[in-house]
Amino acid sequence: MKKKTLTILGVLVLFTLAYFLYQNFHQEQKEKEVLNPYANSSVTSEIFETENGFGYKIFIDGNLYVEQPTIPAIAGNKSFDTEINAQKTSDFAIGKIKSGIIPPTISVEELKNLGVI
């Protein structure tokens, strides 16, 4: 009788442990999804003309998320000198959004690496 009770108790402990491990794994998966809410979203950009050059807008699922009429990380109100530079920067920002980097801040060093400045 004692051996049977210990066996049943052992099985219950194993099932309980398996249940908690499953719940922990499932919770981690949910947290990853929450950390990057835009991973499966449609993220697009639009280049627009400003008084002094070009800027960009970023849309998530058709809704305006960013309107950037000036070069980010640069002091003053300097717009992009070409549509290509505005597009490179908006594409870089979209990559950050899709990777879960919110907000998609861009540094001077990143702009240099892109060849924008």
N, C-alpha and C. Protein backbone atom coordinates (compact mmCIF):
# COMPACT_ATOMS: atom_id res chain seq x y z
N MET A 1 0.82 -1.19 0.00
CA MET A 1 0.00 0.00 0.00
C MET A 1 0.86 1.26 0.00
N LYS A 2 1.93 1.25 0.78
CA LYS A 2 2.81 2.39 0.86
C LYS A 2 3.48 2.67 -0.49
N LYS A 3 3.89 1.61 -1.15
CA LYS A 3 4.57 1.76 -2.44
C LYS A 3 3.62 2.34 -3.49
N LYS A 4 2.39 1.88 -3.48
CA LYS A 4 1.38 2.37 -4.42
C LYS A 4 1.10 3.86 -4.18
N THR A 5 1.01 4.28 -2.94
CA THR A 5 0.76 5.67 -2.58
C THR A 5 1.92 6.55 -3.04
N LEU A 6 3.14 6.07 -2.82
CA LEU A 6 4.31 6.84 -3.24
C LEU A 6 4.37 6.96 -4.77
N THR A 7 3.98 5.91 -5.47
CA THR A 7 3.97 5.96 -6.94
C THR A 7 2.95 6.98 -7.43
N ILE A 8 1.77 6.95 -6.86
CA ILE A 8 0.72 7.91 -7.25
C ILE A 8 1.17 9.34 -6.92
N LEU A 9 1.76 9.52 -5.77
CA LEU A 9 2.25 10.84 -5.37
C LEU A 9 3.34 11.32 -6.33
N GLY A 10 4.24 10.42 -6.71
CA GLY A 10 5.30 10.76 -7.66
C GLY A 10 4.75 11.17 -9.01
N VAL A 11 3.75 10.44 -9.49
CA VAL A 11 3.12 10.78 -10.77
C VAL A 11 2.45 12.14 -10.68
N LEU A 12 1.77 12.43 -9.59
CA LEU A 12 1.12 13.73 -9.41
C LEU A 12 2.16 14.86 -9.38
N VAL A 13 3.28 14.63 -8.73
CA VAL A 13 4.34 15.64 -8.68
C VAL A 13 4.88 15.88 -10.09
N LEU A 14 5.10 14.82 -10.86
CA LEU A 14 5.59 14.96 -12.23
C LEU A 14 4.61 15.73 -13.11
N PHE A 15 3.33 15.40 -13.00
CA PHE A 15 2.32 16.11 -13.79
C PHE A 15 2.25 17.59 -13.39
N THR A 16 2.34 17.85 -12.10
CA THR A 16 2.31 19.23 -11.62
C THR A 16 3.52 20.00 -12.14
N LEU A 17 4.69 19.38 -12.07
CA LEU A 17 5.90 20.01 -12.58
C LEU A 17 5.81 20.27 -14.08
N ALA A 18 5.31 19.31 -14.83
CA ALA A 18 5.15 19.47 -16.28
C ALA A 18 4.18 20.60 -16.59
N TYR A 19 3.09 20.69 -15.82
CA TYR A 19 2.11 21.75 -16.02
C TYR A 19 2.74 23.12 -15.79
N PHE A 20 3.50 23.28 -14.70
CA PHE A 20 4.12 24.57 -14.43
C PHE A 20 5.18 24.93 -15.46
N LEU A 21 5.93 23.96 -15.93
CA LEU A 21 6.91 24.22 -16.98
C LEU A 21 6.21 24.67 -18.26
N TYR A 22 5.12 24.01 -18.62
CA TYR A 22 4.36 24.40 -19.81
C TYR A 22 3.81 25.81 -19.66
N GLN A 23 3.25 26.14 -18.52
CA GLN A 23 2.68 27.47 -18.29
C GLN A 23 3.77 28.54 -18.38
N ASN A 24 4.94 28.26 -17.83
CA ASN A 24 6.04 29.21 -17.87
C ASN A 24 6.48 29.45 -19.32
N PHE A 25 6.61 28.38 -20.09
CA PHE A 25 7.00 28.51 -21.50
C PHE A 25 5.93 29.29 -22.27
N HIS A 26 4.69 28.96 -22.04
CA HIS A 26 3.58 29.64 -22.73
C HIS A 26 3.55 31.13 -22.39
N GLN A 27 3.81 31.49 -21.14
CA GLN A 27 3.84 32.89 -20.71
C GLN A 27 4.98 33.63 -21.39
N GLU A 28 6.16 33.00 -21.51
CA GLU A 28 7.30 33.63 -22.17
C GLU A 28 6.97 33.91 -23.64
N GLN A 29 6.27 33.00 -24.30
CA GLN A 29 5.88 33.21 -25.69
C GLN A 29 4.93 34.40 -25.81
N LYS A 30 3.99 34.52 -24.89
CA LYS A 30 3.06 35.65 -24.90
C LYS A 30 3.80 36.96 -24.68
N GLU A 31 4.76 36.98 -23.77
CA GLU A 31 5.53 38.19 -23.50
C GLU A 31 6.32 38.62 -24.73
N LYS A 32 6.88 37.67 -25.48
CA LYS A 32 7.61 38.01 -26.69
C LYS A 32 6.68 38.66 -27.71
N GLU A 33 5.46 38.14 -27.82
CA GLU A 33 4.50 38.72 -28.75
C GLU A 33 4.14 40.15 -28.34
N VAL A 34 4.00 40.39 -27.05
CA VAL A 34 3.63 41.71 -26.55
C VAL A 34 4.79 42.68 -26.74
N LEU A 35 6.03 42.19 -26.60
CA LEU A 35 7.18 43.07 -26.74
C LEU A 35 7.28 43.65 -28.15
N ASN A 36 6.81 42.94 -29.15
CA ASN A 36 6.88 43.43 -30.52
C ASN A 36 5.48 43.37 -31.15
N PRO A 37 4.64 44.34 -30.82
CA PRO A 37 3.28 44.30 -31.33
C PRO A 37 3.17 44.55 -32.83
N TYR A 38 4.25 45.02 -33.47
CA TYR A 38 4.19 45.34 -34.90
C TYR A 38 4.88 44.32 -35.79
N ALA A 39 5.28 43.18 -35.23
CA ALA A 39 6.02 42.18 -36.01
C ALA A 39 5.23 41.71 -37.23
N ASN A 40 3.93 41.59 -37.10
CA ASN A 40 3.11 41.09 -38.20
C ASN A 40 2.25 42.18 -38.85
N SER A 41 2.57 43.42 -38.54
CA SER A 41 1.81 44.54 -39.09
C SER A 41 2.36 44.96 -40.44
N SER A 42 1.53 45.65 -41.19
CA SER A 42 1.96 46.27 -42.44
C SER A 42 2.56 47.63 -42.09
N VAL A 43 3.87 47.77 -42.32
CA VAL A 43 4.55 49.02 -42.01
C VAL A 43 5.08 49.58 -43.33
N THR A 44 4.59 50.76 -43.71
CA THR A 44 4.97 51.37 -44.98
C THR A 44 5.41 52.81 -44.76
N SER A 45 6.02 53.37 -45.80
CA SER A 45 6.44 54.77 -45.70
C SER A 45 6.03 55.54 -46.94
N GLU A 46 6.02 56.85 -46.77
CA GLU A 46 5.69 57.76 -47.87
C GLU A 46 6.65 58.95 -47.76
N ILE A 47 7.29 59.28 -48.86
CA ILE A 47 8.19 60.43 -48.89
C ILE A 47 7.37 61.65 -49.31
N PHE A 48 7.61 62.78 -48.65
CA PHE A 48 6.90 63.99 -49.03
C PHE A 48 7.88 65.16 -49.12
N GLU A 49 7.47 66.15 -49.88
CA GLU A 49 8.30 67.33 -50.09
C GLU A 49 8.03 68.35 -48.99
N THR A 50 9.11 68.97 -48.52
CA THR A 50 9.02 70.05 -47.53
C THR A 50 9.48 71.33 -48.21
N GLU A 51 9.49 72.42 -47.46
CA GLU A 51 9.96 73.69 -48.02
C GLU A 51 11.44 73.62 -48.40
N ASN A 52 12.20 72.82 -47.66
CA ASN A 52 13.65 72.79 -47.85
C ASN A 52 14.19 71.45 -48.35
N GLY A 53 13.34 70.53 -48.72
CA GLY A 53 13.82 69.22 -49.17
C GLY A 53 12.74 68.17 -49.06
N PHE A 54 13.05 67.10 -48.29
CA PHE A 54 12.12 65.97 -48.20
C PHE A 54 12.02 65.45 -46.77
N GLY A 55 10.91 64.84 -46.49
CA GLY A 55 10.67 64.18 -45.22
C GLY A 55 9.99 62.85 -45.48
N TYR A 56 9.62 62.16 -44.41
CA TYR A 56 8.92 60.89 -44.59
C TYR A 56 7.84 60.70 -43.53
N LYS A 57 6.88 59.86 -43.89
CA LYS A 57 5.83 59.44 -42.97
C LYS A 57 5.89 57.92 -42.92
N ILE A 58 5.65 57.37 -41.74
CA ILE A 58 5.57 55.92 -41.59
C ILE A 58 4.17 55.58 -41.12
N PHE A 59 3.59 54.59 -41.78
CA PHE A 59 2.24 54.13 -41.46
C PHE A 59 2.30 52.69 -40.96
N ILE A 60 1.55 52.41 -39.91
CA ILE A 60 1.40 51.05 -39.42
C ILE A 60 -0.05 50.67 -39.61
N ASP A 61 -0.24 49.62 -40.42
CA ASP A 61 -1.59 49.17 -40.79
C ASP A 61 -2.45 50.33 -41.30
N GLY A 62 -1.83 51.21 -42.07
CA GLY A 62 -2.54 52.32 -42.68
C GLY A 62 -2.71 53.55 -41.81
N ASN A 63 -2.30 53.47 -40.55
CA ASN A 63 -2.43 54.60 -39.63
C ASN A 63 -1.09 55.32 -39.49
N LEU A 64 -1.13 56.65 -39.54
CA LEU A 64 0.09 57.43 -39.40
C LEU A 64 0.73 57.18 -38.04
N TYR A 65 2.01 56.79 -38.06
CA TYR A 65 2.75 56.52 -36.82
C TYR A 65 3.85 57.55 -36.61
N VAL A 66 4.56 57.92 -37.68
CA VAL A 66 5.65 58.90 -37.60
C VAL A 66 5.51 59.88 -38.76
N GLU A 67 5.64 61.16 -38.47
CA GLU A 67 5.78 62.17 -39.53
C GLU A 67 7.08 62.88 -39.24
N GLN A 68 8.06 62.71 -40.13
CA GLN A 68 9.41 63.23 -39.91
C GLN A 68 9.79 64.20 -41.03
N PRO A 69 9.51 65.49 -40.86
CA PRO A 69 9.84 66.46 -41.91
C PRO A 69 11.31 66.88 -41.91
N THR A 70 12.04 66.52 -40.85
CA THR A 70 13.45 66.90 -40.74
C THR A 70 14.30 65.65 -40.49
N ILE A 71 15.61 65.82 -40.65
CA ILE A 71 16.53 64.71 -40.39
C ILE A 71 16.58 64.47 -38.88
N PRO A 72 16.27 63.25 -38.44
CA PRO A 72 16.32 62.99 -37.00
C PRO A 72 17.75 63.05 -36.47
N ALA A 73 17.89 63.39 -35.21
CA ALA A 73 19.17 63.43 -34.49
C ALA A 73 20.05 64.61 -34.90
N ILE A 74 19.59 65.45 -35.80
CA ILE A 74 20.36 66.61 -36.25
C ILE A 74 19.70 67.86 -35.67
N ALA A 75 20.51 68.71 -35.07
CA ALA A 75 19.98 69.95 -34.50
C ALA A 75 19.44 70.86 -35.60
N GLY A 76 18.38 71.56 -35.30
CA GLY A 76 17.79 72.48 -36.27
C GLY A 76 16.67 71.83 -37.05
N ASN A 77 16.27 72.49 -38.11
CA ASN A 77 15.15 72.03 -38.94
C ASN A 77 15.60 71.71 -40.35
N LYS A 78 16.61 70.88 -40.49
CA LYS A 78 17.15 70.55 -41.80
C LYS A 78 16.42 69.32 -42.37
N SER A 79 15.82 69.51 -43.52
CA SER A 79 15.16 68.39 -44.20
C SER A 79 16.19 67.57 -44.96
N PHE A 80 15.76 66.39 -45.42
CA PHE A 80 16.63 65.56 -46.24
C PHE A 80 16.86 66.24 -47.58
N ASP A 81 18.08 66.15 -48.10
CA ASP A 81 18.39 66.82 -49.36
C ASP A 81 17.88 66.05 -50.58
N THR A 82 17.66 64.74 -50.44
CA THR A 82 17.14 63.95 -51.57
C THR A 82 16.04 63.01 -51.09
N GLU A 83 15.21 62.59 -52.03
CA GLU A 83 14.18 61.59 -51.73
C GLU A 83 14.83 60.28 -51.32
N ILE A 84 15.97 59.97 -51.95
CA ILE A 84 16.66 58.71 -51.67
C ILE A 84 17.11 58.66 -50.21
N ASN A 85 17.66 59.76 -49.70
CA ASN A 85 18.10 59.78 -48.30
C ASN A 85 16.92 59.68 -47.34
N ALA A 86 15.82 60.32 -47.67
CA ALA A 86 14.62 60.20 -46.85
C ALA A 86 14.11 58.76 -46.86
N GLN A 87 14.15 58.13 -48.03
CA GLN A 87 13.68 56.74 -48.16
C GLN A 87 14.59 55.78 -47.39
N LYS A 88 15.91 55.97 -47.49
CA LYS A 88 16.85 55.10 -46.76
C LYS A 88 16.59 55.19 -45.25
N THR A 89 16.36 56.40 -44.79
CA THR A 89 16.14 56.59 -43.36
C THR A 89 14.81 56.00 -42.92
N SER A 90 13.77 56.20 -43.72
CA SER A 90 12.47 55.63 -43.35
C SER A 90 12.52 54.10 -43.39
N ASP A 91 13.23 53.54 -44.37
CA ASP A 91 13.37 52.07 -44.42
C ASP A 91 14.11 51.55 -43.19
N PHE A 92 15.12 52.29 -42.75
CA PHE A 92 15.86 51.90 -41.55
C PHE A 92 14.95 51.95 -40.33
N ALA A 93 14.14 53.00 -40.22
CA ALA A 93 13.20 53.13 -39.10
C ALA A 93 12.17 52.01 -39.13
N ILE A 94 11.71 51.64 -40.32
CA ILE A 94 10.75 50.54 -40.45
C ILE A 94 11.38 49.24 -39.97
N GLY A 95 12.63 49.03 -40.31
CA GLY A 95 13.34 47.83 -39.83
C GLY A 95 13.38 47.78 -38.31
N LYS A 96 13.59 48.93 -37.69
CA LYS A 96 13.59 48.98 -36.23
C LYS A 96 12.21 48.65 -35.67
N ILE A 97 11.19 49.21 -36.28
CA ILE A 97 9.82 48.94 -35.82
C ILE A 97 9.52 47.46 -35.92
N LYS A 98 9.84 46.85 -37.07
CA LYS A 98 9.57 45.43 -37.28
C LYS A 98 10.38 44.55 -36.32
N SER A 99 11.51 45.08 -35.81
CA SER A 99 12.34 44.34 -34.86
C SER A 99 11.92 44.59 -33.41
N GLY A 100 10.92 45.44 -33.22
CA GLY A 100 10.43 45.71 -31.88
C GLY A 100 11.10 46.87 -31.18
N ILE A 101 11.88 47.66 -31.91
CA ILE A 101 12.54 48.82 -31.31
C ILE A 101 11.58 50.01 -31.43
N ILE A 102 10.92 50.31 -30.31
CA ILE A 102 9.89 51.33 -30.27
C ILE A 102 10.24 52.32 -29.17
N PRO A 103 10.32 53.60 -29.42
CA PRO A 103 10.22 54.25 -30.73
C PRO A 103 11.49 53.99 -31.55
N PRO A 104 11.38 54.13 -32.86
CA PRO A 104 12.52 53.83 -33.74
C PRO A 104 13.50 55.00 -33.84
N THR A 105 14.11 55.37 -32.73
CA THR A 105 15.03 56.50 -32.74
C THR A 105 16.26 56.18 -33.60
N ILE A 106 16.78 57.21 -34.24
CA ILE A 106 17.91 57.06 -35.14
C ILE A 106 19.01 58.01 -34.68
N SER A 107 20.22 57.47 -34.55
CA SER A 107 21.35 58.27 -34.06
C SER A 107 22.13 58.88 -35.22
N VAL A 108 22.98 59.82 -34.88
CA VAL A 108 23.86 60.45 -35.87
C VAL A 108 24.75 59.38 -36.50
N GLU A 109 25.27 58.47 -35.68
CA GLU A 109 26.13 57.40 -36.19
C GLU A 109 25.40 56.52 -37.21
N GLU A 110 24.15 56.21 -36.93
CA GLU A 110 23.36 55.41 -37.87
C GLU A 110 23.12 56.17 -39.17
N LEU A 111 22.88 57.46 -39.07
CA LEU A 111 22.71 58.28 -40.28
C LEU A 111 23.99 58.30 -41.10
N LYS A 112 25.14 58.35 -40.43
CA LYS A 112 26.43 58.29 -41.13
C LYS A 112 26.59 56.94 -41.83
N ASN A 113 26.25 55.87 -41.13
CA ASN A 113 26.36 54.53 -41.71
C ASN A 113 25.44 54.36 -42.92
N LEU A 114 24.31 55.03 -42.91
CA LEU A 114 23.38 54.98 -44.03
C LEU A 114 23.85 55.85 -45.20
N GLY A 115 24.81 56.73 -44.93
CA GLY A 115 25.28 57.66 -45.96
C GLY A 115 24.39 58.86 -46.15
N VAL A 116 23.55 59.12 -45.15
CA VAL A 116 22.61 60.25 -45.23
C VAL A 116 23.31 61.55 -44.86
N ILE A 117 24.23 61.46 -43.88
CA ILE A 117 25.02 62.65 -43.50
C ILE A 117 26.50 62.30 -43.56
